[in-house]
Amino acid sequence: MVMDTLIRNGQLVIPARGVVEASLGIKNGVINGMYKNGSEPEARQVIEAGGKYILPGALDPHMHLGFAGPFEEHFSTET
């Protein structure tokens, strides 16, 4: 199976397991798998994350509505 995106050679932070050196495959906007380095599937886009931390599934809830445009417009498109 060809992934849409592969984040390769990262330091995946996995709850209850700690930090794991691996790659992360994404297909149709969903995390599809974690792979040992060197055993990753093909991907349309590859992001080299060597030495960087990857937080699978983590979202940053911090945002500034109305900072760069009308609040009403941002509220309807950014929430």
Protein backbone atom coordinates (compact mmCIF):
# COMPACT_ATOMS: atom_id res chain seq x y z
CA MET A 1 0.00 0.00 0.00
CA VAL A 2 1.34 3.44 -0.94
CA MET A 3 1.06 6.04 1.82
CA ASP A 4 0.13 9.64 1.12
CA THR A 5 2.80 10.85 3.56
CA LEU A 6 5.64 9.13 5.36
CA ILE A 7 7.37 10.88 8.26
CA ARG A 8 10.67 9.02 8.31
CA ASN A 9 13.35 8.39 10.96
CA GLY A 10 11.66 10.29 13.76
CA GLN A 11 11.54 9.90 17.50
CA LEU A 12 7.90 8.84 18.05
CA VAL A 13 6.57 9.64 21.52
CA ILE A 14 4.18 6.81 22.42
CA PRO A 15 2.24 6.85 25.73
CA ALA A 16 3.23 3.98 28.05
CA ARG A 17 6.08 2.99 25.68
CA GLY A 18 8.23 6.09 25.69
CA VAL A 19 10.29 7.27 22.74
CA VAL A 20 10.63 4.87 19.79
CA GLU A 21 12.81 5.39 16.71
CA ALA A 22 10.43 4.76 13.83
CA SER A 23 8.56 6.17 10.85
CA LEU A 24 4.90 7.11 10.65
CA GLY A 25 2.66 6.43 7.64
CA ILE A 26 -0.37 8.58 6.84
CA LYS A 27 -3.12 7.64 4.35
CA ASN A 28 -6.32 9.62 3.68
CA GLY A 29 -5.52 11.99 6.57
CA VAL A 30 -5.30 9.15 9.11
CA ILE A 31 -2.27 7.58 10.80
CA ASN A 32 -2.06 4.22 9.04
CA GLY A 33 0.95 2.65 10.73
CA MET A 34 4.24 2.89 12.54
CA TYR A 35 7.22 1.26 10.85
CA LYS A 36 10.72 0.29 11.88
CA ASN A 37 13.31 2.40 10.11
CA GLY A 38 14.20 0.69 6.86
CA SER A 39 10.90 -1.20 6.51
CA GLU A 40 8.63 1.69 5.52
CA PRO A 41 6.15 1.47 2.65
CA GLU A 42 6.36 3.75 -0.39
CA ALA A 43 4.84 7.22 -0.06
CA ARG A 44 3.88 10.09 -2.33
CA GLN A 45 5.48 12.57 0.07
CA VAL A 46 8.37 11.85 2.44
CA ILE A 47 9.21 14.11 5.35
CA GLU A 48 12.67 13.49 6.82
CA ALA A 49 12.38 13.86 10.60
CA GLY A 50 15.78 12.53 11.65
CA GLY A 51 16.36 13.35 15.31
CA LYS A 52 13.05 15.20 15.71
CA TYR A 53 10.19 14.25 18.02
CA ILE A 54 6.87 13.19 16.51
CA LEU A 55 3.73 13.25 18.64
CA PRO A 56 1.27 10.98 16.76
CA GLY A 57 -2.30 12.20 17.15
CA ALA A 58 -1.40 15.26 19.23
CA LEU A 59 -3.19 18.47 18.39
CA ASP A 60 -2.16 22.00 19.33
CA PRO A 61 -5.29 23.68 20.72
CA HIS A 62 -3.60 27.08 20.94
CA MET A 63 -4.98 29.58 18.41
CA HIS A 64 -5.68 33.27 17.92
CA LEU A 65 -9.12 33.86 16.44
CA GLY A 66 -9.50 37.29 14.88
CA PHE A 67 -5.76 38.00 14.96
CA ALA A 68 -5.24 38.27 11.20
CA GLY A 69 -8.77 38.93 10.04
CA PRO A 70 -12.39 39.30 11.12
CA PHE A 71 -13.26 37.28 14.23
CA GLU A 72 -16.60 36.15 12.77
CA GLU A 73 -14.93 34.72 9.67
CA HIS A 74 -12.24 32.90 11.66
CA PHE A 75 -14.79 31.52 14.11
CA SER A 76 -16.74 29.84 11.32
CA THR A 77 -13.68 28.45 9.53
CA GLU A 78 -11.19 27.74 12.35
CA THR A 79 -13.37 25.92 14.90
